[in-house]
Protein backbone atom coordinates (compact mmCIF):
# COMPACT_ATOMS: atom_id res chain seq x y z
CA UNK A 1 -25.45 -7.51 -37.73
CA UNK A 2 -23.65 -6.43 -34.52
CA UNK A 3 -25.41 -3.66 -32.67
CA UNK A 4 -23.63 -0.99 -30.60
CA UNK A 5 -23.96 -1.55 -26.89
CA UNK A 6 -25.38 1.42 -25.01
CA UNK A 7 -23.25 2.73 -22.14
CA UNK A 8 -25.28 5.86 -21.47
CA UNK A 9 -26.74 4.58 -18.20
CA UNK A 10 -23.35 3.48 -16.84
CA UNK A 11 -21.74 6.83 -17.54
CA UNK A 12 -24.63 8.79 -16.10
CA UNK A 13 -24.30 6.80 -12.87
CA UNK A 14 -20.51 6.94 -12.79
CA UNK A 15 -20.26 10.67 -13.34
CA UNK A 16 -22.87 11.33 -10.66
CA UNK A 17 -21.23 9.15 -8.00
CA UNK A 18 -21.67 10.86 -4.60
CA UNK A 19 -18.11 12.14 -4.22
CA UNK A 20 -18.89 14.84 -1.69
CA UNK A 21 -16.00 17.06 -0.67
CA UNK A 22 -15.89 19.19 2.43
CA UNK A 23 -13.33 21.92 1.92
CA UNK A 24 -11.25 22.49 5.00
CA UNK A 25 -10.12 25.94 6.19
CA UNK A 26 -6.37 25.61 6.62
CA UNK A 27 -5.85 29.26 7.49
CA UNK A 28 -3.97 29.47 10.78
CA UNK A 29 -5.20 32.40 12.83
CA UNK A 30 -2.83 35.00 14.15
CA UNK A 31 -1.67 33.95 17.59
CA UNK A 32 -2.37 36.12 20.63
CA UNK A 33 -0.14 33.97 22.85
CA UNK A 34 3.45 34.67 23.89
CA UNK A 35 5.93 32.75 21.76
CA UNK A 36 7.05 30.78 24.80
CA UNK A 37 3.54 29.73 25.86
CA UNK A 38 3.08 26.59 23.80
CA UNK A 39 0.00 25.47 25.73
CA UNK A 40 -1.80 28.70 24.84
CA UNK A 41 -0.82 28.36 21.20
CA UNK A 42 -2.01 24.76 21.12
CA UNK A 43 -5.37 25.80 22.56
CA UNK A 44 -5.77 28.48 19.91
CA UNK A 45 -4.93 26.04 17.17
CA UNK A 46 -7.36 23.57 18.67
CA UNK A 47 -10.20 26.05 18.25
CA UNK A 48 -9.44 26.19 14.56
CA UNK A 49 -9.12 22.42 14.37
CA UNK A 50 -12.53 22.02 15.99
CA UNK A 51 -14.02 24.22 13.27
CA UNK A 52 -13.16 21.77 10.53
CA UNK A 53 -13.22 18.49 12.48
CA UNK A 54 -16.80 17.55 11.42
CA UNK A 55 -15.85 18.07 7.77
CA UNK A 56 -12.72 16.00 8.29
CA UNK A 57 -14.68 13.11 9.77
CA UNK A 58 -17.05 13.18 6.80
CA UNK A 59 -14.09 13.25 4.43
CA UNK A 60 -12.58 10.19 6.13
CA UNK A 61 -15.86 8.34 5.70
CA UNK A 62 -16.08 9.43 2.07
CA UNK A 63 -12.50 8.32 1.44
CA UNK A 64 -13.09 4.92 3.02
CA UNK A 65 -16.13 4.39 0.82
CA UNK A 66 -14.31 5.71 -2.22
CA UNK A 67 -11.42 3.30 -1.78
CA UNK A 68 -13.84 0.37 -1.79
CA UNK A 69 -15.42 1.61 -5.03
CA UNK A 70 -12.26 2.54 -6.91
CA UNK A 71 -11.07 -0.98 -7.71
CA UNK A 72 -14.50 -2.08 -8.85
CA UNK A 73 -15.06 1.00 -10.96
CA UNK A 74 -11.63 0.78 -12.57
CA UNK A 75 -12.31 -2.84 -13.43
CA UNK A 76 -15.61 -1.87 -15.04
CA UNK A 77 -13.92 0.98 -16.93
CA UNK A 78 -11.31 -1.47 -18.24
CA UNK A 79 -14.06 -3.84 -19.36
CA UNK A 80 -15.92 -1.05 -21.11
CA UNK A 81 -12.71 0.17 -22.78
CA UNK A 82 -12.19 -3.35 -24.13
CA UNK A 83 -15.75 -3.43 -25.46
CA UNK A 84 -15.35 -0.02 -27.07
CA UNK A 85 -12.11 -1.09 -28.72
CA UNK A 86 -13.85 -4.18 -30.09
CA UNK A 87 -16.76 -2.07 -31.30
CA UNK A 88 -14.39 0.35 -33.02
CA UNK A 89 -12.71 -2.54 -34.85
CA UNK A 90 -16.14 -3.91 -35.83
CA UNK A 91 -17.18 -0.52 -37.19
CA UNK A 92 -13.98 -0.29 -39.25
CA UNK A 93 -14.65 -3.71 -40.79
CA UNK A 94 -18.25 -2.76 -41.51
CA UNK A 95 -17.09 0.47 -43.13
CA UNK A 96 -14.85 -1.51 -45.49
CA UNK A 97 -17.68 -3.91 -46.36
CA UNK A 98 -20.16 -1.10 -46.84
CA UNK A 99 -17.72 0.61 -49.21
CA UNK A 100 -18.35 -2.23 -51.66
CA UNK A 101 -22.03 -2.46 -50.82
CA UNK A 102 -22.50 1.27 -51.46
CA UNK A 103 -21.25 0.71 -55.02
CA UNK A 104 -23.73 -2.14 -55.32
CA UNK A 105 -26.39 0.12 -53.84
CA UNK A 106 -25.76 2.71 -56.53
CA UNK A 107 -25.81 0.08 -59.29
CA UNK A 108 -28.98 -1.60 -58.04
CA UNK A 109 -30.73 1.72 -57.57
CA UNK A 110 -29.80 2.71 -61.12
CA UNK A 111 -30.89 -0.69 -62.47
CA UNK A 112 -34.14 -0.63 -60.55
CA UNK A 113 -34.87 2.82 -61.91
CA UNK A 114 -34.06 1.71 -65.44
CA UNK A 115 -36.25 -1.38 -65.11
CA UNK A 116 -39.16 0.72 -64.00
CA UNK A 117 -38.60 3.26 -66.82
CA UNK A 118 -37.91 0.78 -69.61
CA UNK A 119 -40.28 -2.00 -68.64
CA UNK A 120 -42.91 -2.70 -71.32
CA UNK A 121 -45.80 -4.44 -69.61
CA UNK A 122 -46.91 -6.01 -72.96
CA UNK A 123 -43.51 -7.53 -73.79
CA UNK A 124 -43.96 -10.79 -71.86
CA UNK A 125 -47.28 -11.39 -73.60
CA UNK A 126 -45.78 -10.85 -77.03
CA UNK A 127 -42.56 -12.80 -76.50
CA UNK A 128 -43.94 -15.77 -74.53
CA UNK A 129 -44.29 -19.06 -76.40
CA UNK A 130 -47.02 -20.31 -74.11
CA UNK A 131 -49.07 -19.42 -71.08
CA UNK A 132 -46.65 -21.32 -68.86
CA UNK A 133 -43.66 -19.47 -70.31
CA UNK A 134 -45.53 -16.21 -69.80
CA UNK A 135 -46.17 -16.97 -66.14
CA UNK A 136 -42.51 -17.92 -65.62
CA UNK A 137 -41.22 -14.66 -67.13
CA UNK A 138 -43.62 -12.56 -65.09
CA UNK A 139 -42.64 -14.38 -61.88
CA UNK A 140 -38.89 -13.96 -62.53
CA UNK A 141 -39.22 -10.28 -63.30
CA UNK A 142 -41.30 -9.73 -60.16
CA UNK A 143 -38.75 -11.52 -57.97
CA UNK A 144 -35.90 -9.46 -59.44
CA UNK A 145 -37.76 -6.25 -58.67
CA UNK A 146 -38.62 -7.38 -55.12
CA UNK A 147 -35.03 -8.51 -54.40
CA UNK A 148 -33.64 -5.22 -55.67
CA UNK A 149 -36.06 -3.36 -53.40
CA UNK A 150 -35.04 -5.46 -50.36
CA UNK A 151 -31.32 -5.00 -51.05
CA UNK A 152 -31.69 -1.26 -51.47
CA UNK A 153 -33.62 -0.93 -48.22
CA UNK A 154 -31.11 -3.14 -46.30
CA UNK A 155 -28.08 -1.25 -47.57
CA UNK A 156 -29.70 2.06 -46.69
CA UNK A 157 -30.52 0.77 -43.20
CA UNK A 158 -26.93 -0.50 -42.71
CA UNK A 159 -25.47 2.84 -43.70
CA UNK A 160 -27.79 4.65 -41.31
CA UNK A 161 -26.96 2.23 -38.46
CA UNK A 162 -23.24 2.62 -39.10
CA UNK A 163 -23.49 6.39 -38.83
CA UNK A 164 -25.35 6.06 -35.52
CA UNK A 165 -22.75 3.60 -34.23
CA UNK A 166 -19.96 6.00 -35.15
CA UNK A 167 -21.61 8.80 -33.19
CA UNK A 168 -22.32 6.51 -30.23
CA UNK A 169 -18.71 5.32 -30.17
CA UNK A 170 -17.48 8.91 -30.20
CA UNK A 171 -19.85 9.86 -27.36
CA UNK A 172 -18.99 6.83 -25.23
CA UNK A 173 -15.24 7.37 -25.60
CA UNK A 174 -15.61 10.97 -24.50
CA UNK A 175 -17.78 9.91 -21.55
CA UNK A 176 -15.22 7.27 -20.55
CA UNK A 177 -12.45 9.88 -20.45
CA UNK A 178 -14.61 12.19 -18.35
CA UNK A 179 -15.47 9.37 -15.94
CA UNK A 180 -11.86 8.30 -15.52
CA UNK A 181 -10.71 11.88 -15.02
CA UNK A 182 -13.42 12.55 -12.45
CA UNK A 183 -12.64 9.38 -10.53
CA UNK A 184 -8.90 10.07 -10.39
CA UNK A 185 -9.33 13.74 -9.53
CA UNK A 186 -11.82 13.09 -6.74
CA UNK A 187 -9.78 10.29 -5.22
CA UNK A 188 -6.56 12.30 -5.26
CA UNK A 189 -8.16 15.42 -3.87
CA UNK A 190 -10.00 13.69 -1.06
CA UNK A 191 -7.00 11.58 -0.07
CA UNK A 192 -4.89 14.73 0.03
CA UNK A 193 -7.38 16.56 2.21
CA UNK A 194 -7.62 13.69 4.68
CA UNK A 195 -3.84 13.29 4.80
CA UNK A 196 -3.33 16.99 5.53
CA UNK A 197 -5.81 17.01 8.37
CA UNK A 198 -4.54 13.76 9.88
CA UNK A 199 -1.06 15.23 9.97
CA UNK A 200 -2.38 18.47 11.41
CA UNK A 201 -4.41 17.11 14.32
CA UNK A 202 -2.61 13.88 15.28
CA UNK A 203 0.73 15.35 16.38
CA UNK A 204 2.02 14.67 19.85
CA UNK A 205 4.26 17.06 21.75
CA UNK A 206 8.02 16.72 21.27
CA UNK A 207 8.30 15.63 24.90
CA UNK A 208 5.68 12.94 24.39
CA UNK A 209 7.51 11.77 21.28
CA UNK A 210 10.64 11.61 23.42
CA UNK A 211 8.81 9.41 25.92
CA UNK A 212 7.76 7.04 23.15
CA UNK A 213 11.34 6.92 21.87
CA UNK A 214 12.56 6.02 25.38
CA UNK A 215 10.00 3.21 25.60
CA UNK A 216 11.12 1.88 22.23
CA UNK A 217 14.79 2.03 23.23
CA UNK A 218 14.05 0.11 26.43
CA UNK A 219 12.90 -2.85 24.34
CA UNK A 220 16.54 -3.36 23.32
CA UNK A 221 15.54 -4.56 19.87
CA UNK A 222 18.74 -5.17 17.90
CA UNK A 223 18.85 -3.59 14.46
CA UNK A 224 20.69 -6.59 13.02
CA UNK A 225 21.55 -10.11 14.12
CA UNK A 226 25.06 -9.04 15.09
CA UNK A 227 23.78 -6.53 17.63
CA UNK A 228 22.54 -9.18 20.05
CA UNK A 229 20.19 -12.13 20.38
CA UNK A 230 16.59 -11.75 19.31
CA UNK A 231 14.65 -12.06 22.57
CA UNK A 232 11.15 -11.66 21.13
CA UNK A 233 8.53 -13.76 22.91
CA UNK A 234 5.37 -15.26 21.48
CA UNK A 235 2.86 -13.94 24.02
CA UNK A 236 0.19 -16.24 22.61
CA UNK A 237 1.83 -18.94 24.72
CA UNK A 238 1.65 -16.87 27.91
CA UNK A 239 -1.37 -16.82 30.24
CA UNK A 240 -1.70 -13.42 31.96
CA UNK A 241 -4.34 -14.73 34.35
CA UNK A 242 -7.26 -12.70 32.97
CA UNK A 243 -9.69 -12.86 30.08
CA UNK A 244 -10.58 -11.27 27.80
CA UNK A 245 -7.13 -9.98 27.00
CA UNK A 246 -5.73 -8.16 23.99
CA UNK A 247 -2.15 -8.05 22.67
CA UNK A 248 -0.75 -6.01 19.78
CA UNK A 249 1.60 -8.02 17.58
CA UNK A 250 4.05 -6.25 15.26
CA UNK A 251 5.40 -7.85 12.11
CA UNK A 252 9.20 -7.52 12.18
CA UNK A 253 11.42 -5.02 13.94
CA UNK A 254 13.10 -1.84 12.63
CA UNK A 255 14.26 -0.83 10.14
CA UNK A 256 13.15 -3.01 7.17
CA UNK A 257 15.46 -1.47 4.54
CA UNK A 258 17.94 -3.41 2.39
CA UNK A 259 18.84 -7.03 3.09
CA UNK A 260 16.43 -8.97 5.27
CA UNK A 261 18.77 -11.34 7.13
CA UNK A 262 16.13 -13.90 8.09
CA UNK A 263 14.65 -13.39 4.63
CA UNK A 264 18.02 -14.34 3.13
CA UNK A 265 17.96 -17.44 5.32
CA UNK A 266 14.53 -18.40 4.00
CA UNK A 267 15.45 -17.68 0.40
CA UNK A 268 18.68 -19.70 0.62
CA UNK A 269 16.74 -22.65 2.06
CA UNK A 270 14.34 -22.28 -0.89
CA UNK A 271 17.25 -22.76 -3.30
CA UNK A 272 18.12 -19.18 -4.25
CA UNK A 273 21.77 -18.24 -4.75
CA UNK A 274 23.38 -15.14 -3.28
CA UNK A 275 22.89 -13.03 -6.41
CA UNK A 276 19.20 -13.88 -6.55
CA UNK A 277 18.88 -13.02 -2.87
CA UNK A 278 20.57 -9.64 -3.21
CA UNK A 279 18.67 -8.76 -6.37
CA UNK A 280 15.46 -9.46 -4.48
CA UNK A 281 16.29 -6.84 -1.84
CA UNK A 282 18.15 -4.17 -3.83
CA UNK A 283 16.78 -2.36 -6.87
CA UNK A 284 18.78 -2.12 -10.10
CA UNK A 285 22.19 -3.10 -8.70
CA UNK A 286 25.07 -4.84 -10.43
CA UNK A 287 27.91 -6.93 -9.03
CA UNK A 288 31.45 -5.60 -9.44
CA UNK A 289 34.89 -6.51 -8.16
CA UNK A 290 36.79 -3.92 -6.10
CA UNK A 291 40.42 -3.93 -4.89
CA UNK A 292 41.31 -4.90 -1.34
CA UNK A 293 41.55 -1.39 0.14
CA UNK A 294 42.91 -0.51 3.58
CA UNK A 295 40.31 0.17 6.25
CA UNK A 296 40.56 2.14 9.49
CA UNK A 297 38.52 0.32 12.14
CA UNK A 298 37.80 2.13 15.41
CA UNK A 299 39.90 0.67 18.24
CA UNK A 300 41.95 -1.47 15.87
CA UNK A 301 44.91 -0.99 13.59
CA UNK A 302 44.46 -0.28 9.89
CA UNK A 303 43.75 -3.53 8.05
CA UNK A 304 42.79 -4.80 4.58
CA UNK A 305 39.07 -4.82 3.86
CA UNK A 306 39.03 -8.60 3.31
CA UNK A 307 40.70 -9.17 6.69
CA UNK A 308 38.15 -6.88 8.35
CA UNK A 309 35.27 -8.86 6.88
CA UNK A 310 36.47 -12.07 8.54
CA UNK A 311 35.72 -10.48 11.91
CA UNK A 312 32.15 -9.37 11.07
CA UNK A 313 29.57 -11.06 13.33
CA UNK A 314 26.27 -10.35 11.61
CA UNK A 315 24.95 -13.78 10.68
CA UNK A 316 25.24 -17.23 12.31
CA UNK A 317 28.01 -19.29 10.74
CA UNK A 318 25.66 -22.27 10.68
CA UNK A 319 23.29 -20.65 8.17
CA UNK A 320 23.17 -21.70 4.47
CA UNK A 321 26.26 -20.69 2.50
CA UNK A 322 24.30 -18.64 -0.08
CA UNK A 323 22.79 -16.52 2.70
CA UNK A 324 26.28 -16.02 4.16
CA UNK A 325 27.61 -14.96 0.75
CA UNK A 326 24.80 -12.41 0.42
CA UNK A 327 25.67 -11.08 3.89
CA UNK A 328 29.39 -10.91 3.04
CA UNK A 329 28.70 -8.81 -0.07
CA UNK A 330 26.31 -6.55 1.85
CA UNK A 331 28.89 -6.06 4.62
CA UNK A 332 31.69 -5.41 2.12
CA UNK A 333 29.54 -2.92 0.18
CA UNK A 334 28.49 -1.15 3.37
CA UNK A 335 32.08 -0.80 4.60
CA UNK A 336 33.29 0.47 1.23
CA UNK A 337 30.47 3.04 0.88
CA UNK A 338 30.48 4.12 4.55
CA UNK A 339 34.21 4.86 4.53
CA UNK A 340 34.23 6.35 1.04
CA UNK A 341 36.61 3.70 -0.23
CA UNK A 342 38.75 3.70 2.90
CA UNK A 343 38.95 7.42 3.62
CA UNK A 344 36.90 7.36 6.83
CA UNK A 345 36.98 5.34 10.06
CA UNK A 346 34.25 2.74 10.61
CA UNK A 347 32.81 1.88 14.03
CA UNK A 348 32.39 -1.64 15.41
CA UNK A 349 28.82 -1.53 16.77
CA UNK A 350 25.41 -1.86 15.16
CA UNK A 351 25.61 1.89 14.46
CA UNK A 352 27.82 0.68 11.57
CA UNK A 353 28.10 -3.11 11.55
CA UNK A 354 29.22 -5.44 14.32
CA UNK A 355 32.95 -6.25 14.21
CA UNK A 356 34.57 -8.37 16.94
CA UNK A 357 38.02 -8.83 15.45
CA UNK A 358 39.90 -11.96 14.45
CA UNK A 359 38.53 -14.56 12.09
CA UNK A 360 35.06 -15.95 12.71
CA UNK A 361 36.03 -18.93 10.55
CA UNK A 362 33.86 -21.80 9.35
CA UNK A 363 31.37 -21.15 6.55
CA UNK A 364 31.60 -17.41 7.17
CA UNK A 365 35.24 -17.46 6.10
CA UNK A 366 34.27 -19.61 3.11
CA UNK A 367 31.59 -17.04 2.13
CA UNK A 368 33.97 -14.07 2.44
CA UNK A 369 36.65 -15.71 0.33
CA UNK A 370 34.19 -17.04 -2.25
CA UNK A 371 32.94 -13.50 -2.90
CA UNK A 372 36.28 -11.71 -2.51
CA UNK A 373 36.14 -8.11 -3.74
CA UNK A 374 32.49 -8.38 -4.80
CA UNK A 375 30.27 -5.36 -4.07
CA UNK A 376 26.87 -3.98 -5.09
CA UNK A 377 26.94 -0.99 -7.42
CA UNK A 378 24.21 1.43 -8.52
CA UNK A 379 24.81 4.35 -10.87
CA UNK A 380 28.53 3.70 -10.80
CA UNK A 381 28.71 3.98 -6.99
CA UNK A 382 29.02 1.27 -4.34
CA UNK A 383 25.78 1.21 -2.34
CA UNK A 384 25.48 1.52 1.42
CA UNK A 385 23.93 -1.93 1.61
CA UNK A 386 21.87 -1.68 4.78
CA UNK A 387 20.48 -4.80 6.39
CA UNK A 388 18.38 -5.81 9.39
CA UNK A 389 17.36 -9.01 11.08
CA UNK A 390 13.61 -9.25 10.41
CA UNK A 391 11.31 -7.33 8.07
CA UNK A 392 8.03 -9.06 8.87
CA UNK A 393 7.35 -9.99 5.27
CA UNK A 394 7.83 -6.51 3.77
CA UNK A 395 10.84 -4.43 2.75
CA UNK A 396 10.65 -0.62 2.57
CA UNK A 397 12.51 2.12 0.76
CA UNK A 398 14.87 4.40 2.66
CA UNK A 399 12.47 7.32 2.26
CA UNK A 400 9.63 5.22 3.73
CA UNK A 401 11.44 5.20 7.09
CA UNK A 402 12.49 8.84 7.00
CA UNK A 403 15.99 8.41 5.57
CA UNK A 404 17.40 10.08 2.49
CA UNK A 405 16.02 8.58 -0.70
CA UNK A 406 18.20 5.92 -2.29
CA UNK A 407 17.19 4.52 -5.71
CA UNK A 408 18.54 1.06 -4.91
CA UNK A 409 16.19 0.50 -1.97
CA UNK A 410 12.81 -0.95 -2.73
CA UNK A 411 9.40 -1.86 -1.46
CA UNK A 412 9.00 -5.60 -1.53
CA UNK A 413 6.38 -8.13 -0.53
CA UNK A 414 8.94 -10.60 0.77
CA UNK A 415 6.90 -13.77 0.39
CA UNK A 416 6.68 -16.95 -1.66
CA UNK A 417 3.29 -16.00 -3.10
CA UNK A 418 0.30 -13.67 -2.97
CA UNK A 419 -1.04 -12.38 0.33
CA UNK A 420 -4.73 -12.01 1.08
CA UNK A 421 -4.77 -12.11 4.86
CA UNK A 422 -2.56 -12.42 7.93
CA UNK A 423 -2.68 -16.21 7.70
CA UNK A 424 -1.13 -16.06 4.23
CA UNK A 425 1.60 -13.75 5.48
CA UNK A 426 2.44 -15.98 8.44
CA UNK A 427 2.74 -18.96 6.10
CA UNK A 428 4.50 -17.43 3.08
CA UNK A 429 6.93 -14.80 4.43
CA UNK A 430 10.58 -15.69 3.80
CA UNK A 431 11.57 -14.46 7.29
CA UNK A 432 8.81 -16.31 9.15
CA UNK A 433 11.35 -18.39 11.11
CA UNK A 434 12.56 -15.32 13.01
CA UNK A 435 11.35 -15.15 16.64
CA UNK A 436 10.63 -11.46 15.98
CA UNK A 437 8.65 -12.06 12.80
CA UNK A 438 5.35 -11.73 14.72
CA UNK A 439 5.61 -10.63 18.32
CA UNK A 440 4.05 -8.38 20.93
CA UNK A 441 6.83 -6.05 22.07
CA UNK A 442 7.32 -5.10 25.72
CA UNK A 443 6.00 -6.54 28.98
CA UNK A 444 5.13 -5.91 32.62
CA UNK A 445 6.57 -7.69 35.62
CA UNK A 446 3.13 -9.00 36.47
CA UNK A 447 0.72 -10.94 34.24
CA UNK A 448 3.28 -13.61 33.32
CA UNK A 449 5.64 -10.89 32.07
CA UNK A 450 3.46 -10.51 29.02
CA UNK A 451 2.18 -7.71 26.82
CA UNK A 452 -1.47 -8.68 27.33
CA UNK A 453 -3.78 -5.79 28.22
CA UNK A 454 -7.10 -5.99 30.02
CA UNK A 455 -10.34 -4.88 28.40
CA UNK A 456 -10.47 -1.79 30.61
CA UNK A 457 -6.88 -0.85 29.70
CA UNK A 458 -7.66 -1.02 26.01
CA UNK A 459 -10.82 1.01 26.66
CA UNK A 460 -8.64 3.67 28.35
CA UNK A 461 -6.34 3.87 25.30
CA UNK A 462 -9.36 4.27 23.04
CA UNK A 463 -10.75 6.99 25.32
CA UNK A 464 -7.42 8.79 25.20
CA UNK A 465 -7.52 8.81 21.41
CA UNK A 466 -11.05 10.20 21.40
CA UNK A 467 -10.22 12.89 23.95
CA UNK A 468 -6.95 13.87 22.30
CA UNK A 469 -8.70 14.24 18.95
CA UNK A 470 -11.64 16.18 20.36
CA UNK A 471 -9.49 18.63 22.33
CA UNK A 472 -5.80 18.96 21.47
CA UNK A 473 -5.24 20.98 24.64
CA UNK A 474 -5.73 17.81 26.70
CA UNK A 475 -2.93 15.85 25.08
CA UNK A 476 -0.30 16.90 27.61
CA UNK A 477 -2.36 15.09 30.28
CA UNK A 478 -2.68 11.82 28.34
CA UNK A 479 0.70 10.12 28.74
CA UNK A 480 0.97 6.75 30.47
CA UNK A 481 -0.04 6.94 34.15
CA UNK A 482 2.74 4.64 35.40
CA UNK A 483 5.57 7.02 34.40
CA UNK A 484 6.34 10.68 35.13
CA UNK A 485 4.54 13.08 32.82
CA UNK A 486 7.01 14.27 30.15
CA UNK A 487 5.36 17.70 29.98
CA UNK A 488 5.75 18.25 33.74
CA UNK A 489 2.03 18.37 34.48
CA UNK A 490 -0.52 15.96 35.91
CA UNK A 491 -1.41 12.82 34.01
CA UNK A 492 -5.09 12.02 33.93
CA UNK A 493 -5.99 8.49 34.93
CA UNK A 494 -8.68 6.39 33.22
CA UNK A 495 -11.50 7.77 35.39
CA UNK A 496 -10.51 11.38 34.70
CA UNK A 497 -10.30 10.71 30.97
CA UNK A 498 -13.81 9.24 30.99
CA UNK A 499 -15.04 12.26 32.95
CA UNK A 500 -13.48 14.68 30.49
CA UNK A 501 -15.10 12.88 27.57
CA UNK A 502 -18.52 12.89 29.22
CA UNK A 503 -18.24 16.61 29.95
CA UNK A 504 -17.75 17.16 26.21
CA UNK A 505 -20.79 15.10 25.30
CA UNK A 506 -18.71 12.14 24.10
CA UNK A 507 -19.55 8.61 25.21
CA UNK A 508 -16.53 6.96 26.90
CA UNK A 509 -15.75 3.25 27.05
CA UNK A 510 -15.56 1.33 30.31
CA UNK A 511 -14.79 -1.93 28.56
CA UNK A 512 -13.90 -3.05 25.07
CA UNK A 513 -15.45 -6.30 23.89
CA UNK A 514 -13.59 -6.49 20.61
CA UNK A 515 -10.80 -4.68 18.79
CA UNK A 516 -9.33 -5.74 15.48
CA UNK A 517 -7.47 -4.58 12.39
CA UNK A 518 -10.30 -3.79 9.99
CA UNK A 519 -8.14 -2.95 6.99
CA UNK A 520 -4.49 -3.37 6.03
CA UNK A 521 -2.45 -2.89 2.88
CA UNK A 522 -1.24 -6.29 1.69
CA UNK A 523 0.90 -4.62 -0.96
CA UNK A 524 3.27 -2.60 1.24
CA UNK A 525 2.53 -4.07 4.68
CA UNK A 526 0.76 -1.35 6.64
CA UNK A 527 -2.16 -1.35 9.04
CA UNK A 528 -4.72 1.12 7.67
CA UNK A 529 -7.46 1.05 10.27
CA UNK A 530 -8.44 -0.39 13.64
CA UNK A 531 -12.06 -0.97 14.67
CA UNK A 532 -13.28 -1.04 18.26
CA UNK A 533 -16.59 -2.08 19.82
CA UNK A 534 -17.73 -2.04 23.42
CA UNK A 535 -20.08 -0.33 25.83
CA UNK A 536 -19.16 3.04 24.32
CA UNK A 537 -20.30 2.06 20.84
CA UNK A 538 -18.23 1.42 17.76
CA UNK A 539 -15.22 3.41 16.55
CA UNK A 540 -12.70 3.18 13.73
CA UNK A 541 -9.29 4.84 13.84
CA UNK A 542 -6.50 5.10 11.30
CA UNK A 543 -3.69 2.61 11.90
CA UNK A 544 -1.07 5.32 12.40
CA UNK A 545 -3.30 7.33 14.73
CA UNK A 546 -4.04 4.32 16.90
CA UNK A 547 -0.37 3.32 17.07
CA UNK A 548 0.75 6.81 18.13
CA UNK A 549 -1.66 7.04 21.06
CA UNK A 550 -1.20 3.39 21.99
CA UNK A 551 2.56 3.86 22.30
CA UNK A 552 2.01 6.99 24.39
CA UNK A 553 -0.55 5.51 26.81
CA UNK A 554 0.20 1.77 27.02
CA UNK A 555 1.75 0.72 30.36
CA UNK A 556 5.39 -0.19 31.02
CA UNK A 557 7.36 -0.36 27.75
CA UNK A 558 4.68 -2.11 25.69
CA UNK A 559 4.88 -0.80 22.11
CA UNK A 560 3.75 -1.27 18.53
CA UNK A 561 7.08 -0.99 16.70
CA UNK A 562 6.24 -1.01 13.01
CA UNK A 563 3.75 -0.04 10.32
CA UNK A 564 2.11 -3.46 10.15
CA UNK A 565 0.52 -4.94 13.25
CA UNK A 566 -2.32 -7.24 14.19
CA UNK A 567 -4.39 -7.67 17.35
CA UNK A 568 -4.78 -10.98 19.19
CA UNK A 569 -7.58 -11.78 21.66
CA UNK A 570 -7.64 -14.42 24.37
């Protein structure tokens, strides 16, 4: 007979998992600084930040450990749920069987009682024809009595076991619900606390953010293929003349929303048609035909929409026809939505979409005419079908990049199969043929015009992160030393930063021996954490935190330009 499996130990362990929370005091003290004295206000806030920083660091550690446990625990919960469901079905079947056996139990009990009451011990001796017949009758009667006794005892035991199993099932189901609720509640709470503090303490000044924006703009990364040639360089092929060296490679270039142009190229080469391509990049859209409206193009006369499309220069004419068709529909949809069906002027640069006039001809003209009037529609409206040259294997929603939410944008792992590591991504991404798919952005005139950084330079960036986090009042001094300070004060060089750390009892780095991405989200394409080791010990920073300070401190215009990046060593 099946026995109920005991889950008491599992639940006792699960419910008592060491989810320790350190509540953080988010009460901002009244400021005693003049409204115009931002430095004073920052210093006051920093005092409050310092009060909860130790708790925040513990919470980050707890969250990191919790994330590693969640998947395993959820898998075990699923397994246990399956076992409980099977046990419940088994109990139901046993209940049905025991319904019949209980009737038998009653009958046998009654019969056994009657046998005992009515049995005449002299009857066999009187009725038997011989001694042998007498022995046979006595043996049969004894066996009947013994069998009845065994059956009665077994049925009674089964009924008792069933009742215990019912109670155990009820207890285990309740414990499972408690365990799941506790796990979800703890994970959500702790993640929320960490997120709030990260946002609170990691902010740079508006002027420093402006400096980072200037560095990014100086890279001249085109938003789409029509905005200019992709000049990304694979720094792995460049020798800076020193070793060890470290370079920070970003996957893709902004903005990663809508149609991935190099992704369309890869998908077309894989045999997908234009509708399959567009459905891959846009959520819940349909294809509809629209009339050939008149369009006002900046610097040009009013013209029909289909004539305008012939002069769009957003994708090489030599690319596969299905990719060109997808681009033609995206461009037509964008123009229609941007102008409100022709009621507004459209520009000719990458701020809208690149238009050079005339007829580009070739396969581009074929693609435009083959899809004449065709647009993407969502909720009865033509969509503003954004596109960009290279996504780095991942598409994002409009809200992911700080734009207004659009239901037809989507997160997408833009690959031919599952991704477990960076090697998989480099091999399977549809846009892997783009020169900007995986590149270190920015360079210096020296060191082979590369983005390679020396060990000491990386150590300085790490020191800046540690100092900025330990004392927010120092951040205005931590911009890159080779450019004017955006806050109009002195910029501390590497030696001064090390000195400031030491004065606060924090061990600085002189050199970094290794730095790597220690965790990244293969589902949405985001670097979660960066780990560093060197003569200052070992440190781990969040991916966003590291990127912010790296972009502020790194020399020249060297930048990490997206959410997913990796670190190369030579």
